[in-house]
Amino acid sequence: MPSRERTYRTEAIVLRRKDIGEADRILTLLTPGQGKVRAVAKGIRKPRSRKAGHLELFTRTKLLLAVGRDLDIVTQAELVDAYRPLREDLLRSAYATYLVELLDRFTPDEQENPELYDLLREGLLWASQARDLALAARYYELHLLGMAGFQPQLYRCVNCGRPLQPEDQFFSPGEGGVVCAQCGRPPDGPRPEAGAQRAGLLPLSLNALKLLRFIQSSPYAKVAALNVSPRTQAEVEYLAARYITVILERQLKSVEFLKLIRRAEAAVVP
């Protein structure tokens, strides 16, 4: 990493925080210029701290930091966007927690990536405002995967390389893309709709493939305007979750929390 001045200014989004000592807090920050960095906010937990309200989880803040031996030190903080709905709505907060953890897992420390910063900044805005939170999460997932070098192949069969036909097919989390109907069937087996498929493949309906392609290639505003059936939504969510789990070799902790909150929200809907 290039050497820095003794102090530097940057915009940052608070990803994680951990209390230390009697009044301090270690923050994991995403910045556009330095990537993901860790810094200490001294005295932030004191009742009269001026920094506390500017450095909550998910907040976007302008910072002045002093370069430290192990951790940089937050010396000034000015709030840019609090994303207030994320603190007032538990479901929106759960989605924001998922978006942040997903980016955290795909982002190494101190690696500059302004595109990822912009994606998270916009993702937290979508989590604050979106009519369809699940669809916003799918858009965020697919574009994060692309930026991280794991964009799924949605136009050619990852097994034979032929262009995909407009029909139900399969998705291979291990191969990172769609497997055509012919390659996905066991030798001399029945068609995909009959349920027979090779091990490790997930059924992929034509509607789900169309949605994935549209999300991958379209601006967010066009995706947000879609009305997607619950069945297609659930299918795409499941495929994305399986693919991400294979890449990371683990399931994110926030996934179960998000499912729990969604079930609780559904239970109270009249």
Protein backbone atom coordinates (compact mmCIF):
# COMPACT_ATOMS: atom_id res chain seq x y z
CA MET A 1 0.00 0.00 0.00
CA PRO A 2 1.39 3.47 -0.87
CA SER A 3 2.63 5.56 2.04
CA ARG A 4 0.19 8.11 3.41
CA GLU A 5 0.44 11.47 5.13
CA ARG A 6 0.33 11.54 8.92
CA THR A 7 -3.32 12.56 8.63
CA TYR A 8 -5.78 12.10 5.80
CA ARG A 9 -9.40 12.88 4.99
CA THR A 10 -11.81 10.36 3.55
CA GLU A 11 -15.45 9.51 3.28
CA ALA A 12 -16.29 6.18 4.92
CA ILE A 13 -19.14 3.79 5.70
CA VAL A 14 -19.10 2.02 9.07
CA LEU A 15 -19.21 -1.75 8.49
CA ARG A 16 -18.50 -3.12 11.97
CA ARG A 17 -17.63 -1.90 15.44
CA LYS A 18 -16.16 -3.40 18.60
CA ASP A 19 -15.95 -1.85 22.05
CA ILE A 20 -12.54 -1.81 23.72
CA GLY A 21 -11.48 -0.45 27.09
CA GLU A 22 -13.86 1.77 29.00
CA ALA A 23 -14.75 4.30 26.31
CA ASP A 24 -13.11 3.46 22.97
CA ARG A 25 -14.38 1.59 19.93
CA ILE A 26 -12.63 -0.10 17.00
CA LEU A 27 -14.38 0.55 13.69
CA THR A 28 -14.14 -1.34 10.42
CA LEU A 29 -14.63 1.24 7.69
CA LEU A 30 -15.05 1.04 3.93
CA THR A 31 -13.47 3.98 2.13
CA PRO A 32 -13.34 4.78 -1.60
CA GLY A 33 -9.58 5.46 -1.66
CA GLN A 34 -8.04 3.14 0.93
CA GLY A 35 -10.53 0.29 0.74
CA LYS A 36 -11.41 -1.44 4.01
CA VAL A 37 -9.53 -0.06 7.01
CA ARG A 38 -9.72 -0.39 10.80
CA ALA A 39 -9.56 2.65 13.03
CA VAL A 40 -10.07 3.47 16.68
CA ALA A 41 -12.51 6.13 17.86
CA LYS A 42 -11.19 7.19 21.25
CA GLY A 43 -13.71 8.20 23.90
CA ILE A 44 -16.67 7.60 21.59
CA ARG A 45 -18.67 5.80 24.28
CA LYS A 46 -18.49 8.68 26.73
CA PRO A 47 -21.86 10.42 27.26
CA ARG A 48 -20.61 13.75 25.88
CA SER A 49 -18.70 12.36 22.90
CA ARG A 50 -19.21 14.48 19.78
CA LYS A 51 -18.33 11.59 17.48
CA ALA A 52 -20.91 9.03 18.66
CA GLY A 53 -23.83 10.04 16.44
CA HIS A 54 -21.58 10.30 13.39
CA LEU A 55 -20.18 6.78 13.61
CA GLU A 56 -23.13 4.45 14.07
CA LEU A 57 -23.38 1.25 12.01
CA PHE A 58 -24.17 1.85 8.32
CA THR A 59 -23.61 5.62 8.55
CA ARG A 60 -21.73 7.44 5.80
CA THR A 61 -19.35 9.97 7.27
CA LYS A 62 -16.54 12.35 6.36
CA LEU A 63 -13.52 11.60 8.53
CA LEU A 64 -10.15 13.01 9.44
CA LEU A 65 -7.86 10.18 10.51
CA ALA A 66 -4.37 10.14 11.95
CA VAL A 67 -2.14 7.30 10.82
CA GLY A 68 -1.29 5.03 13.75
CA ARG A 69 1.16 2.18 14.21
CA ASP A 70 -1.49 -0.56 14.22
CA LEU A 71 -4.78 1.29 13.87
CA ASP A 72 -5.57 4.69 12.43
CA ILE A 73 -7.24 7.13 14.82
CA VAL A 74 -10.48 9.01 14.12
CA THR A 75 -9.88 12.65 15.04
CA GLN A 76 -12.89 14.27 13.34
CA ALA A 77 -16.22 12.94 12.04
CA GLU A 78 -19.00 14.67 10.12
CA LEU A 79 -22.16 12.77 9.24
CA VAL A 80 -23.11 12.65 5.55
CA ASP A 81 -26.02 10.17 5.54
CA ALA A 82 -27.48 8.35 8.56
CA TYR A 83 -29.74 6.08 6.45
CA ARG A 84 -32.28 6.62 9.23
CA PRO A 85 -34.85 4.02 8.03
CA LEU A 86 -32.25 1.33 8.72
CA ARG A 87 -32.50 2.19 12.42
CA GLU A 88 -36.27 2.57 12.47
CA ASP A 89 -37.34 -0.55 10.56
CA LEU A 90 -36.06 -3.96 11.72
CA LEU A 91 -36.54 -5.64 8.33
CA ARG A 92 -34.62 -2.90 6.51
CA SER A 93 -31.92 -3.13 9.17
CA ALA A 94 -31.67 -6.90 8.62
CA TYR A 95 -31.22 -6.39 4.87
CA ALA A 96 -28.55 -3.74 5.49
CA THR A 97 -26.74 -6.13 7.83
CA TYR A 98 -26.74 -8.73 5.05
CA LEU A 99 -25.48 -6.28 2.41
CA VAL A 100 -22.63 -5.15 4.65
CA GLU A 101 -21.58 -8.66 5.68
CA LEU A 102 -21.63 -9.83 2.07
CA LEU A 103 -19.34 -7.00 0.98
CA ASP A 104 -17.12 -7.49 4.03
CA ARG A 105 -16.53 -11.15 3.10
CA PHE A 106 -15.63 -10.33 -0.50
CA THR A 107 -13.36 -7.37 0.32
CA PRO A 108 -9.74 -7.71 1.47
CA ASP A 109 -8.28 -5.07 3.76
CA GLU A 110 -6.74 -1.90 2.31
CA GLN A 111 -7.53 -2.65 -1.33
CA GLU A 112 -8.83 0.40 -3.16
CA ASN A 113 -12.12 -0.19 -4.99
CA PRO A 114 -14.27 2.92 -5.46
CA GLU A 115 -16.84 0.91 -7.44
CA LEU A 116 -17.51 -1.35 -4.46
CA TYR A 117 -17.78 1.70 -2.22
CA ASP A 118 -20.35 3.24 -4.56
CA LEU A 119 -22.28 -0.04 -4.68
CA LEU A 120 -22.52 -0.22 -0.89
CA ARG A 121 -23.46 3.45 -0.67
CA GLU A 122 -26.27 2.88 -3.14
CA GLY A 123 -27.17 -0.49 -1.59
CA LEU A 124 -27.79 1.11 1.81
CA LEU A 125 -29.97 3.70 0.10
CA TRP A 126 -31.96 0.94 -1.59
CA ALA A 127 -32.32 -0.88 1.73
CA SER A 128 -33.65 2.38 3.18
CA GLN A 129 -36.16 3.10 0.43
CA ALA A 130 -36.89 0.10 -1.79
CA ARG A 131 -40.43 -1.13 -2.27
CA ASP A 132 -39.15 -4.65 -2.95
CA LEU A 133 -36.23 -5.29 -0.62
CA ALA A 134 -35.60 -8.82 -1.88
CA LEU A 135 -35.26 -7.61 -5.47
CA ALA A 136 -32.88 -4.85 -4.36
CA ALA A 137 -30.78 -7.47 -2.56
CA ARG A 138 -30.60 -9.62 -5.72
CA TYR A 139 -29.41 -6.62 -7.73
CA TYR A 140 -26.75 -5.87 -5.12
CA GLU A 141 -25.61 -9.52 -5.00
CA LEU A 142 -25.20 -9.92 -8.74
CA HIS A 143 -23.32 -6.66 -9.19
CA LEU A 144 -21.09 -7.33 -6.20
CA LEU A 145 -20.28 -10.77 -7.61
CA GLY A 146 -19.35 -9.16 -10.92
CA MET A 147 -17.06 -6.60 -9.28
CA ALA A 148 -15.42 -9.31 -7.17
CA GLY A 149 -14.65 -11.48 -10.22
CA PHE A 150 -17.40 -14.07 -9.75
CA GLN A 151 -19.98 -12.94 -12.29
CA PRO A 152 -22.12 -15.98 -13.16
CA GLN A 153 -22.27 -17.09 -16.79
CA LEU A 154 -25.88 -16.64 -17.92
CA TYR A 155 -25.62 -16.75 -21.71
CA ARG A 156 -23.63 -19.89 -22.56
CA CYS A 157 -23.60 -23.35 -21.07
CA VAL A 158 -20.63 -23.64 -18.71
CA ASN A 159 -20.30 -27.31 -19.71
CA CYS A 160 -20.46 -27.32 -23.51
CA GLY A 161 -20.13 -23.61 -24.31
CA ARG A 162 -23.15 -23.46 -26.58
CA PRO A 163 -25.53 -20.46 -26.43
CA LEU A 164 -28.46 -21.15 -24.11
CA GLN A 165 -31.87 -21.78 -25.61
CA PRO A 166 -35.14 -20.27 -24.28
CA GLU A 167 -36.12 -23.20 -22.05
CA ASP A 168 -35.82 -24.46 -18.49
CA GLN A 169 -32.22 -25.37 -17.67
CA PHE A 170 -29.92 -25.81 -14.67
CA PHE A 171 -27.52 -23.77 -12.57
CA SER A 172 -24.19 -25.08 -11.32
CA PRO A 173 -22.90 -23.23 -8.22
CA GLY A 174 -19.58 -25.04 -8.54
CA GLU A 175 -19.05 -24.09 -12.18
CA GLY A 176 -20.44 -20.59 -11.72
CA GLY A 177 -23.15 -20.52 -14.34
CA VAL A 178 -25.96 -22.09 -16.31
CA VAL A 179 -25.85 -25.66 -17.62
CA CYS A 180 -28.04 -26.24 -20.67
CA ALA A 181 -30.92 -28.72 -20.60
CA GLN A 182 -29.02 -31.25 -22.70
CA CYS A 183 -25.87 -31.23 -20.53
CA GLY A 184 -27.89 -31.19 -17.32
CA ARG A 185 -29.83 -34.36 -18.01
CA PRO A 186 -28.40 -37.75 -17.18
CA PRO A 187 -27.56 -39.78 -20.32
CA ASP A 188 -30.79 -40.98 -21.92
CA GLY A 189 -32.69 -39.32 -19.05
CA PRO A 190 -36.01 -37.47 -19.17
CA ARG A 191 -36.43 -33.76 -19.81
CA PRO A 192 -35.63 -31.31 -16.95
CA GLU A 193 -39.27 -30.77 -15.99
CA ALA A 194 -39.52 -34.45 -15.14
CA GLY A 195 -37.10 -33.87 -12.28
CA ALA A 196 -34.03 -35.85 -13.35
CA GLN A 197 -30.73 -33.95 -13.28
CA ARG A 198 -27.07 -34.50 -12.71
CA ALA A 199 -25.73 -34.22 -9.17
CA GLY A 200 -24.81 -30.74 -7.98
CA LEU A 201 -27.11 -28.93 -10.40
CA LEU A 202 -30.07 -26.77 -9.41
CA PRO A 203 -33.17 -26.46 -11.60
CA LEU A 204 -33.37 -23.07 -13.33
CA SER A 205 -36.63 -21.97 -14.87
CA LEU A 206 -36.70 -19.77 -17.96
CA ASN A 207 -38.38 -16.97 -15.98
CA ALA A 208 -35.62 -17.05 -13.36
CA LEU A 209 -32.93 -16.97 -16.06
CA LYS A 210 -34.60 -13.97 -17.70
CA LEU A 211 -34.71 -12.16 -14.34
CA LEU A 212 -31.05 -12.90 -13.60
CA ARG A 213 -30.01 -11.61 -17.01
CA PHE A 214 -32.10 -8.47 -16.64
CA ILE A 215 -30.65 -7.74 -13.20
CA GLN A 216 -27.12 -8.34 -14.44
CA SER A 217 -27.42 -6.04 -17.46
CA SER A 218 -29.82 -3.26 -16.38
CA PRO A 219 -29.60 -0.16 -14.20
CA TYR A 220 -31.16 -0.42 -10.77
CA ALA A 221 -34.07 1.91 -11.56
CA LYS A 222 -35.36 -0.46 -14.26
CA VAL A 223 -34.98 -3.50 -12.00
CA ALA A 224 -36.75 -1.76 -9.11
CA ALA A 225 -39.76 -1.11 -11.35
CA LEU A 226 -40.33 -4.83 -11.99
CA ASN A 227 -43.17 -6.84 -10.49
CA VAL A 228 -41.76 -10.32 -10.00
CA SER A 229 -43.80 -13.33 -8.95
CA PRO A 230 -43.05 -14.74 -5.47
CA ARG A 231 -42.15 -18.07 -7.06
CA THR A 232 -39.49 -16.56 -9.34
CA GLN A 233 -38.22 -14.36 -6.50
CA ALA A 234 -37.78 -17.38 -4.24
CA GLU A 235 -36.03 -19.38 -6.96
CA VAL A 236 -33.52 -16.64 -7.77
CA GLU A 237 -32.86 -15.99 -4.08
CA TYR A 238 -32.14 -19.67 -3.48
CA LEU A 239 -29.80 -19.94 -6.47
CA ALA A 240 -27.89 -16.80 -5.45
CA ALA A 241 -27.57 -18.01 -1.86
CA ARG A 242 -26.22 -21.40 -2.95
CA TYR A 243 -23.73 -19.79 -5.33
CA ILE A 244 -22.46 -17.34 -2.70
CA THR A 245 -22.15 -20.14 -0.12
CA VAL A 246 -20.04 -22.19 -2.53
CA ILE A 247 -17.74 -19.25 -3.28
CA LEU A 248 -17.27 -18.26 0.38
CA GLU A 249 -17.34 -21.87 1.65
CA ARG A 250 -19.68 -20.75 4.42
CA GLN A 251 -23.12 -19.27 4.97
CA LEU A 252 -23.22 -15.69 6.15
CA LYS A 253 -24.40 -15.18 9.72
CA SER A 254 -26.82 -12.46 8.64
CA VAL A 255 -28.75 -14.85 6.38
CA GLU A 256 -30.45 -16.68 9.23
CA PHE A 257 -31.16 -13.41 11.03
CA LEU A 258 -32.77 -12.02 7.89
CA LYS A 259 -34.90 -15.15 7.47
CA LEU A 260 -36.01 -14.91 11.09
CA ILE A 261 -37.09 -11.28 10.72
CA ARG A 262 -38.88 -12.00 7.45
CA ARG A 263 -40.82 -14.86 9.05
CA ALA A 264 -41.76 -12.63 11.98
CA GLU A 265 -42.90 -9.86 9.62
CA ALA A 266 -44.98 -12.31 7.56
CA ALA A 267 -46.64 -13.68 10.70
CA VAL A 268 -48.08 -10.29 11.67
CA VAL A 269 -49.36 -9.32 8.22
CA PRO A 270 -53.20 -9.48 8.32
